[in-house]
Amino acid sequence: MLLEDRDDQLIITDKDGNIDTKPKTDYFMLKYNDYEGDRIYYQFNKDSYIQETFNDGIFNATYKNERMQIREADKIAFCINFHKYQKEAEPEIRLKPFEDLFKKNYTDTIQLNVLKDFLKDYSHRLEFFEDGIEIDKRFFVNKQGQANVKVKGVYHFLCIVARGYLSSFNYKTKIGNVKINSKSLEIIAKVFFLLNPNLEDSVFTSQLDKDVLEELKRDPKNDMDLKKKKNHKDKEYGHGI
């Protein structure tokens, strides 16, 4: 329950009656003004709604019968407030902030699924994390497309540039076509390169610690996966500075 609304914080009581403070954000304003601290639930229309989980600020969202989790609490609060108070606007206008937020998060999920699909033949050598892809526990390509190499347990910058035709394309989903961006394809290209790096490439090898280079020379996976890599003839992978 909201006790006091200050300039930069909210004074509240929790369910046990203890006094606490929360930052004065759109999310906490909505939660304690409109829902008295309970989980937020809001229905935009018959097939679009959100339900807060038991964790503050994490929402299960549904749009056109597609479901996903959204963790952008202040943006969810804005969507609710916009829909609730823009009563004179057309239904599609009132829904648009939530529609845009859902599609953005859905697109990010689709991008990850596309990465996994492109790289499924190498799943035994890859590990997917929220911030990127690890290759053979030796290399890492983050979600910005930056490559790194692990030296004595610490990842260091590695300059490689994917070459070839990396234009974006559309990917059909249940809520419509989603554009797969060139950044996702750049990540795929760099992962392919690091799965089977060219050890005769002095620009690439000059960036490697000597122990890492020796490990790569002894690693039989490079030869084993060479035929798989050749199946992706529509792209060319290389390095650059």
C-alpha atoms as a PDB file:
ATOM      1  CA  MET A   1       0.000   0.000   0.000  1.00  0.00           C
ATOM      2  CA  LEU A   2       1.211   3.508  -0.826  1.00  0.00           C
ATOM      3  CA  LEU A   3       1.789   5.682   2.245  1.00  0.00           C
ATOM      4  CA  GLU A   4       3.544   8.707   0.795  1.00  0.00           C
ATOM      5  CA  ASP A   5       4.428  10.005  -2.669  1.00  0.00           C
ATOM      6  CA  ARG A   6       7.683  11.996  -2.497  1.00  0.00           C
ATOM      7  CA  ASP A   7       9.628  13.759  -5.262  1.00  0.00           C
ATOM      8  CA  ASP A   8      11.941  10.845  -5.977  1.00  0.00           C
ATOM      9  CA  GLN A   9      10.568   7.880  -4.058  1.00  0.00           C
ATOM     10  CA  LEU A  10       7.465   6.143  -2.789  1.00  0.00           C
ATOM     11  CA  ILE A  11       6.969   5.158   0.853  1.00  0.00           C
ATOM     12  CA  ILE A  12       5.000   1.913   0.980  1.00  0.00           C
ATOM     13  CA  THR A  13       3.988  -0.882   3.332  1.00  0.00           C
ATOM     14  CA  ASP A  14       4.537  -4.450   2.222  1.00  0.00           C
ATOM     15  CA  LYS A  15       2.149  -7.352   2.818  1.00  0.00           C
ATOM     16  CA  ASP A  16       3.645  -7.935   6.265  1.00  0.00           C
ATOM     17  CA  GLY A  17       3.076  -4.321   7.256  1.00  0.00           C
ATOM     18  CA  ASN A  18       6.751  -3.348   7.029  1.00  0.00           C
ATOM     19  CA  ILE A  19       7.579   0.139   5.769  1.00  0.00           C
ATOM     20  CA  ASP A  20       9.768   0.236   2.659  1.00  0.00           C
ATOM     21  CA  THR A  21      10.765   2.637  -0.140  1.00  0.00           C
ATOM     22  CA  LYS A  22      10.575   2.232  -3.900  1.00  0.00           C
ATOM     23  CA  PRO A  23      11.965   4.446  -6.662  1.00  0.00           C
ATOM     24  CA  LYS A  24       9.364   6.713  -8.209  1.00  0.00           C
ATOM     25  CA  THR A  25       9.137   5.063 -11.614  1.00  0.00           C
ATOM     26  CA  ASP A  26       6.165   4.530 -13.904  1.00  0.00           C
ATOM     27  CA  TYR A  27       6.070   0.875 -12.900  1.00  0.00           C
ATOM     28  CA  PHE A  28       6.050   1.392  -9.140  1.00  0.00           C
ATOM     29  CA  MET A  29       3.610   4.311  -9.434  1.00  0.00           C
ATOM     30  CA  LEU A  30       1.200   2.038 -11.297  1.00  0.00           C
ATOM     31  CA  LYS A  31       1.746  -0.930  -8.994  1.00  0.00           C
ATOM     32  CA  TYR A  32       1.142   0.952  -5.737  1.00  0.00           C
ATOM     33  CA  ASN A  33      -1.380   3.553  -6.924  1.00  0.00           C
ATOM     34  CA  ASP A  34      -3.623   1.265  -8.960  1.00  0.00           C
ATOM     35  CA  TYR A  35      -2.919  -2.247  -7.675  1.00  0.00           C
ATOM     36  CA  GLU A  36      -2.051  -1.586  -4.012  1.00  0.00           C
ATOM     37  CA  GLY A  37       1.173  -3.549  -4.398  1.00  0.00           C
ATOM     38  CA  ASP A  38      -0.474  -6.655  -5.840  1.00  0.00           C
ATOM     39  CA  ARG A  39       0.563  -8.268  -9.110  1.00  0.00           C
ATOM     40  CA  ILE A  40      -0.431  -6.199 -12.127  1.00  0.00           C
ATOM     41  CA  TYR A  41      -2.939  -7.620 -14.574  1.00  0.00           C
ATOM     42  CA  TYR A  42      -4.311  -5.718 -17.548  1.00  0.00           C
ATOM     43  CA  GLN A  43      -6.349  -6.757 -20.589  1.00  0.00           C
ATOM     44  CA  PHE A  44      -5.968  -4.613 -23.716  1.00  0.00           C
ATOM     45  CA  ASN A  45      -8.493  -6.596 -25.766  1.00  0.00           C
ATOM     46  CA  LYS A  46      -9.778 -10.166 -26.039  1.00  0.00           C
ATOM     47  CA  ASP A  47      -6.435 -11.595 -27.202  1.00  0.00           C
ATOM     48  CA  SER A  48      -3.924  -9.106 -25.760  1.00  0.00           C
ATOM     49  CA  TYR A  49      -3.130  -8.897 -22.055  1.00  0.00           C
ATOM     50  CA  ILE A  50      -0.341  -8.961 -19.465  1.00  0.00           C
ATOM     51  CA  GLN A  51      -0.011 -10.701 -16.104  1.00  0.00           C
ATOM     52  CA  GLU A  52       2.813  -9.889 -13.714  1.00  0.00           C
ATOM     53  CA  THR A  53       4.648 -12.935 -12.370  1.00  0.00           C
ATOM     54  CA  PHE A  54       5.448 -13.386  -8.691  1.00  0.00           C
ATOM     55  CA  ASN A  55       8.675 -11.485  -9.413  1.00  0.00           C
ATOM     56  CA  ASP A  56       8.275  -7.707  -9.474  1.00  0.00           C
ATOM     57  CA  GLY A  57       8.546  -6.187 -12.944  1.00  0.00           C
ATOM     58  CA  ILE A  58       8.524  -9.450 -14.930  1.00  0.00           C
ATOM     59  CA  PHE A  59       5.412  -9.982 -17.055  1.00  0.00           C
ATOM     60  CA  ASN A  60       3.857 -12.786 -19.033  1.00  0.00           C
ATOM     61  CA  ALA A  61       2.487 -11.068 -22.135  1.00  0.00           C
ATOM     62  CA  THR A  62       0.011 -12.326 -24.719  1.00  0.00           C
ATOM     63  CA  TYR A  63      -0.634 -10.807 -28.145  1.00  0.00           C
ATOM     64  CA  LYS A  64      -2.642 -12.534 -30.888  1.00  0.00           C
ATOM     65  CA  ASN A  65      -2.388 -15.795 -28.937  1.00  0.00           C
ATOM     66  CA  GLU A  66       1.408 -15.609 -28.896  1.00  0.00           C
ATOM     67  CA  ARG A  67       2.951 -15.594 -25.420  1.00  0.00           C
ATOM     68  CA  MET A  68       6.283 -14.425 -24.128  1.00  0.00           C
ATOM     69  CA  GLN A  69       7.929 -12.890 -21.069  1.00  0.00           C
ATOM     70  CA  ILE A  70       8.737  -9.169 -20.982  1.00  0.00           C
ATOM     71  CA  ARG A  71      11.011  -7.617 -18.367  1.00  0.00           C
ATOM     72  CA  GLU A  72      10.668  -3.935 -19.308  1.00  0.00           C
ATOM     73  CA  ALA A  73       8.456  -2.890 -16.412  1.00  0.00           C
ATOM     74  CA  ASP A  74       8.338   0.861 -17.047  1.00  0.00           C
ATOM     75  CA  LYS A  75       7.448   0.320 -20.706  1.00  0.00           C
ATOM     76  CA  ILE A  76       4.667  -2.066 -19.694  1.00  0.00           C
ATOM     77  CA  ALA A  77       3.374   0.597 -17.305  1.00  0.00           C
ATOM     78  CA  PHE A  78       3.398   3.168 -20.111  1.00  0.00           C
ATOM     79  CA  CYS A  79       1.444   0.793 -22.382  1.00  0.00           C
ATOM     80  CA  ILE A  80      -1.185   0.281 -19.691  1.00  0.00           C
ATOM     81  CA  ASN A  81      -1.519   3.976 -18.873  1.00  0.00           C
ATOM     82  CA  PHE A  82      -1.690   4.943 -22.543  1.00  0.00           C
ATOM     83  CA  HIS A  83      -4.393   2.377 -23.246  1.00  0.00           C
ATOM     84  CA  LYS A  84      -6.343   3.226 -20.103  1.00  0.00           C
ATOM     85  CA  TYR A  85      -6.412   7.022 -20.531  1.00  0.00           C
ATOM     86  CA  GLN A  86      -6.548   7.461 -24.321  1.00  0.00           C
ATOM     87  CA  LYS A  87     -10.206   6.449 -24.398  1.00  0.00           C
ATOM     88  CA  GLU A  88     -11.093   8.780 -27.264  1.00  0.00           C
ATOM     89  CA  ALA A  89      -8.526   7.197 -29.599  1.00  0.00           C
ATOM     90  CA  GLU A  90      -9.255   4.337 -31.975  1.00  0.00           C
ATOM     91  CA  PRO A  91      -8.670   0.850 -30.498  1.00  0.00           C
ATOM     92  CA  GLU A  92      -5.673   0.170 -32.747  1.00  0.00           C
ATOM     93  CA  ILE A  93      -4.046   3.453 -31.637  1.00  0.00           C
ATOM     94  CA  ARG A  94      -4.584   2.668 -27.958  1.00  0.00           C
ATOM     95  CA  LEU A  95      -3.071  -0.780 -28.460  1.00  0.00           C
ATOM     96  CA  LYS A  96      -0.075   0.355 -30.517  1.00  0.00           C
ATOM     97  CA  PRO A  97       2.468   0.952 -27.673  1.00  0.00           C
ATOM     98  CA  PHE A  98       1.863  -2.563 -26.346  1.00  0.00           C
ATOM     99  CA  GLU A  99       1.859  -4.016 -29.878  1.00  0.00           C
ATOM    100  CA  ASP A 100       5.205  -2.320 -30.638  1.00  0.00           C
ATOM    101  CA  LEU A 101       6.746  -3.454 -27.332  1.00  0.00           C
ATOM    102  CA  PHE A 102       5.596  -7.045 -27.829  1.00  0.00           C
ATOM    103  CA  LYS A 103       6.861  -7.149 -31.418  1.00  0.00           C
ATOM    104  CA  LYS A 104      10.253  -5.725 -30.414  1.00  0.00           C
ATOM    105  CA  ASN A 105      10.740  -8.381 -27.733  1.00  0.00           C
ATOM    106  CA  TYR A 106       9.306 -11.062 -30.002  1.00  0.00           C
ATOM    107  CA  THR A 107      11.709 -10.034 -32.772  1.00  0.00           C
ATOM    108  CA  ASP A 108      14.652 -10.300 -30.369  1.00  0.00           C
ATOM    109  CA  THR A 109      13.529 -13.832 -29.479  1.00  0.00           C
ATOM    110  CA  ILE A 110      13.117 -14.737 -33.150  1.00  0.00           C
ATOM    111  CA  GLN A 111      16.637 -13.462 -33.879  1.00  0.00           C
ATOM    112  CA  LEU A 112      17.984 -15.833 -31.221  1.00  0.00           C
ATOM    113  CA  ASN A 113      15.954 -18.722 -32.637  1.00  0.00           C
ATOM    114  CA  VAL A 114      17.292 -17.996 -36.124  1.00  0.00           C
ATOM    115  CA  LEU A 115      20.859 -18.022 -34.776  1.00  0.00           C
ATOM    116  CA  LYS A 116      20.226 -21.382 -33.142  1.00  0.00           C
ATOM    117  CA  ASP A 117      18.646 -22.759 -36.311  1.00  0.00           C
ATOM    118  CA  PHE A 118      21.542 -21.635 -38.526  1.00  0.00           C
ATOM    119  CA  LEU A 119      24.049 -23.134 -36.093  1.00  0.00           C
ATOM    120  CA  LYS A 120      22.182 -26.290 -35.062  1.00  0.00           C
ATOM    121  CA  ASP A 121      24.744 -28.609 -36.697  1.00  0.00           C
ATOM    122  CA  TYR A 122      27.346 -27.239 -34.264  1.00  0.00           C
ATOM    123  CA  SER A 123      25.240 -27.263 -31.097  1.00  0.00           C
ATOM    124  CA  HIS A 124      27.698 -29.699 -29.468  1.00  0.00           C
ATOM    125  CA  ARG A 125      30.381 -27.002 -29.683  1.00  0.00           C
ATOM    126  CA  LEU A 126      28.317 -23.942 -28.823  1.00  0.00           C
ATOM    127  CA  GLU A 127      26.706 -22.508 -25.724  1.00  0.00           C
ATOM    128  CA  PHE A 128      24.114 -19.744 -25.963  1.00  0.00           C
ATOM    129  CA  PHE A 129      23.978 -17.030 -23.322  1.00  0.00           C
ATOM    130  CA  GLU A 130      21.815 -13.948 -22.940  1.00  0.00           C
ATOM    131  CA  ASP A 131      24.693 -11.744 -24.112  1.00  0.00           C
ATOM    132  CA  GLY A 132      26.209 -13.948 -26.836  1.00  0.00           C
ATOM    133  CA  ILE A 133      27.513 -17.312 -28.055  1.00  0.00           C
ATOM    134  CA  GLU A 134      30.501 -19.227 -26.728  1.00  0.00           C
ATOM    135  CA  ILE A 135      32.451 -21.414 -29.160  1.00  0.00           C
ATOM    136  CA  ASP A 136      34.427 -24.403 -27.821  1.00  0.00           C
ATOM    137  CA  LYS A 137      34.784 -22.556 -24.488  1.00  0.00           C
ATOM    138  CA  ARG A 138      37.551 -20.687 -26.307  1.00  0.00           C
ATOM    139  CA  PHE A 139      35.890 -17.923 -28.326  1.00  0.00           C
ATOM    140  CA  PHE A 140      32.872 -15.727 -27.677  1.00  0.00           C
ATOM    141  CA  VAL A 141      30.776 -13.563 -30.004  1.00  0.00           C
ATOM    142  CA  ASN A 142      28.522 -11.129 -28.148  1.00  0.00           C
ATOM    143  CA  LYS A 143      25.134  -9.881 -29.294  1.00  0.00           C
ATOM    144  CA  GLN A 144      26.747  -6.762 -30.760  1.00  0.00           C
ATOM    145  CA  GLY A 145      28.847  -8.988 -33.045  1.00  0.00           C
ATOM    146  CA  GLN A 146      32.093  -8.422 -31.141  1.00  0.00           C
ATOM    147  CA  ALA A 147      34.425 -11.437 -31.129  1.00  0.00           C
ATOM    148  CA  ASN A 148      36.628 -12.372 -28.166  1.00  0.00           C
ATOM    149  CA  VAL A 149      39.202 -15.029 -27.351  1.00  0.00           C
ATOM    150  CA  LYS A 150      39.757 -16.545 -23.909  1.00  0.00           C
ATOM    151  CA  VAL A 151      43.282 -16.254 -22.516  1.00  0.00           C
ATOM    152  CA  LYS A 152      43.927 -17.705 -19.042  1.00  0.00           C
ATOM    153  CA  GLY A 153      40.229 -17.590 -18.224  1.00  0.00           C
ATOM    154  CA  VAL A 154      39.661 -13.998 -19.377  1.00  0.00           C
ATOM    155  CA  TYR A 155      38.095 -12.946 -22.678  1.00  0.00           C
ATOM    156  CA  HIS A 156      40.003 -10.414 -24.796  1.00  0.00           C
ATOM    157  CA  PHE A 157      39.025  -8.467 -27.924  1.00  0.00           C
ATOM    158  CA  LEU A 158      39.564 -10.305 -31.209  1.00  0.00           C
ATOM    159  CA  CYS A 159      39.271  -8.421 -34.488  1.00  0.00           C
ATOM    160  CA  ILE A 160      37.592 -10.436 -37.223  1.00  0.00           C
ATOM    161  CA  VAL A 161      35.191  -9.107 -39.853  1.00  0.00           C
ATOM    162  CA  ALA A 162      32.659 -11.291 -41.630  1.00  0.00           C
ATOM    163  CA  ARG A 163      32.685 -10.841 -45.387  1.00  0.00           C
ATOM    164  CA  GLY A 164      30.087 -11.746 -47.941  1.00  0.00           C
ATOM    165  CA  TYR A 165      26.409 -11.122 -48.548  1.00  0.00           C
ATOM    166  CA  LEU A 166      24.957 -10.285 -45.163  1.00  0.00           C
ATOM    167  CA  SER A 167      21.793  -8.438 -46.142  1.00  0.00           C
ATOM    168  CA  SER A 168      18.707  -8.681 -43.943  1.00  0.00           C
ATOM    169  CA  PHE A 169      15.748 -10.855 -44.870  1.00  0.00           C
ATOM    170  CA  ASN A 170      12.196 -11.507 -43.674  1.00  0.00           C
ATOM    171  CA  TYR A 171      11.298 -14.433 -41.458  1.00  0.00           C
ATOM    172  CA  LYS A 172       7.658 -15.532 -41.295  1.00  0.00           C
ATOM    173  CA  THR A 173       6.180 -15.816 -37.789  1.00  0.00           C
ATOM    174  CA  LYS A 174       2.705 -16.222 -36.299  1.00  0.00           C
ATOM    175  CA  ILE A 175       2.373 -12.469 -35.771  1.00  0.00           C
ATOM    176  CA  GLY A 176       3.642 -11.553 -39.239  1.00  0.00           C
ATOM    177  CA  ASN A 177       6.952 -11.154 -41.045  1.00  0.00           C
ATOM    178  CA  VAL A 178       9.925 -10.244 -38.855  1.00  0.00           C
ATOM    179  CA  LYS A 179      13.088  -8.787 -40.353  1.00  0.00           C
ATOM    180  CA  ILE A 180      16.248 -10.733 -39.561  1.00  0.00           C
ATOM    181  CA  ASN A 181      18.838  -8.032 -39.364  1.00  0.00           C
ATOM    182  CA  SER A 182      22.353  -7.976 -40.759  1.00  0.00           C
ATOM    183  CA  LYS A 183      23.793  -7.941 -37.208  1.00  0.00           C
ATOM    184  CA  SER A 184      22.385 -11.435 -36.585  1.00  0.00           C
ATOM    185  CA  LEU A 185      23.907 -12.627 -39.853  1.00  0.00           C
ATOM    186  CA  GLU A 186      27.228 -11.020 -38.917  1.00  0.00           C
ATOM    187  CA  ILE A 187      27.173 -12.991 -35.658  1.00  0.00           C
ATOM    188  CA  ILE A 188      26.501 -16.200 -37.578  1.00  0.00           C
ATOM    189  CA  ALA A 189      29.378 -15.467 -39.960  1.00  0.00           C
ATOM    190  CA  LYS A 190      31.824 -14.821 -37.119  1.00  0.00           C
ATOM    191  CA  VAL A 191      30.758 -17.965 -35.281  1.00  0.00           C
ATOM    192  CA  PHE A 192      31.322 -20.015 -38.462  1.00  0.00           C
ATOM    193  CA  PHE A 193      34.761 -18.490 -38.851  1.00  0.00           C
ATOM    194  CA  LEU A 194      35.702 -19.304 -35.241  1.00  0.00           C
ATOM    195  CA  LEU A 195      34.368 -22.844 -35.533  1.00  0.00           C
ATOM    196  CA  ASN A 196      37.011 -23.527 -38.148  1.00  0.00           C
ATOM    197  CA  PRO A 197      39.494 -20.631 -38.249  1.00  0.00           C
ATOM    198  CA  ASN A 198      42.079 -20.302 -40.989  1.00  0.00           C
ATOM    199  CA  LEU A 199      45.355 -20.914 -39.166  1.00  0.00           C
ATOM    200  CA  GLU A 200      47.349 -19.813 -42.204  1.00  0.00           C
ATOM    201  CA  ASP A 201      45.863 -16.343 -41.829  1.00  0.00           C
ATOM    202  CA  SER A 202      48.615 -14.327 -40.155  1.00  0.00           C
ATOM    203  CA  VAL A 203      46.336 -11.366 -39.366  1.00  0.00           C
ATOM    204  CA  PHE A 204      44.072 -13.649 -37.341  1.00  0.00           C
ATOM    205  CA  THR A 205      46.772 -15.793 -35.713  1.00  0.00           C
ATOM    206  CA  SER A 206      48.895 -12.770 -34.748  1.00  0.00           C
ATOM    207  CA  GLN A 207      46.132 -11.781 -32.318  1.00  0.00           C
ATOM    208  CA  LEU A 208      46.195 -15.137 -30.518  1.00  0.00           C
ATOM    209  CA  ASP A 209      48.141 -16.106 -27.448  1.00  0.00           C
ATOM    210  CA  LYS A 210      50.710 -18.757 -28.365  1.00  0.00           C
ATOM    211  CA  ASP A 211      49.054 -21.348 -26.107  1.00  0.00           C
ATOM    212  CA  VAL A 212      45.670 -20.762 -27.768  1.00  0.00           C
ATOM    213  CA  LEU A 213      47.269 -21.068 -31.192  1.00  0.00           C
ATOM    214  CA  GLU A 214      48.920 -24.366 -30.248  1.00  0.00           C
ATOM    215  CA  GLU A 215      45.591 -25.664 -28.919  1.00  0.00           C
ATOM    216  CA  LEU A 216      43.917 -24.817 -32.216  1.00  0.00           C
ATOM    217  CA  LYS A 217      46.619 -26.586 -34.208  1.00  0.00           C
ATOM    218  CA  ARG A 218      46.111 -29.735 -32.143  1.00  0.00           C
ATOM    219  CA  ASP A 219      42.307 -29.537 -32.107  1.00  0.00           C
ATOM    220  CA  PRO A 220      40.831 -32.278 -34.355  1.00  0.00           C
ATOM    221  CA  LYS A 221      37.399 -30.582 -34.484  1.00  0.00           C
ATOM    222  CA  ASN A 222      38.684 -28.083 -37.032  1.00  0.00           C
ATOM    223  CA  ASP A 223      39.190 -30.819 -39.619  1.00  0.00           C
ATOM    224  CA  MET A 224      36.083 -32.794 -38.585  1.00  0.00           C
ATOM    225  CA  ASP A 225      33.751 -29.843 -39.145  1.00  0.00           C
ATOM    226  CA  LEU A 226      35.318 -28.569 -42.346  1.00  0.00           C
ATOM    227  CA  LYS A 227      32.811 -30.376 -44.595  1.00  0.00           C
ATOM    228  CA  LYS A 228      29.881 -28.949 -42.628  1.00  0.00           C
ATOM    229  CA  LYS A 229      31.177 -25.449 -43.076  1.00  0.00           C
ATOM    230  CA  LYS A 230      31.379 -25.906 -46.848  1.00  0.00           C
ATOM    231  CA  ASN A 231      27.620 -26.433 -46.928  1.00  0.00           C
ATOM    232  CA  HIS A 232      27.193 -22.698 -46.379  1.00  0.00           C
ATOM    233  CA  LYS A 233      28.545 -21.662 -49.789  1.00  0.00           C
ATOM    234  CA  ASP A 234      26.284 -18.608 -50.025  1.00  0.00           C
ATOM    235  CA  LYS A 235      28.407 -16.774 -47.451  1.00  0.00           C
ATOM    236  CA  GLU A 236      32.104 -16.019 -47.219  1.00  0.00           C
ATOM    237  CA  TYR A 237      33.829 -15.474 -43.902  1.00  0.00           C
ATOM    238  CA  GLY A 238      37.097 -13.694 -43.318  1.00  0.00           C
ATOM    239  CA  HIS A 239      38.983 -11.223 -41.176  1.00  0.00           C
ATOM    240  CA  GLY A 240      39.742  -7.558 -41.199  1.00  0.00           C
ATOM    241  CA  ILE A 241      41.159  -4.740 -39.127  1.00  0.00           C
END
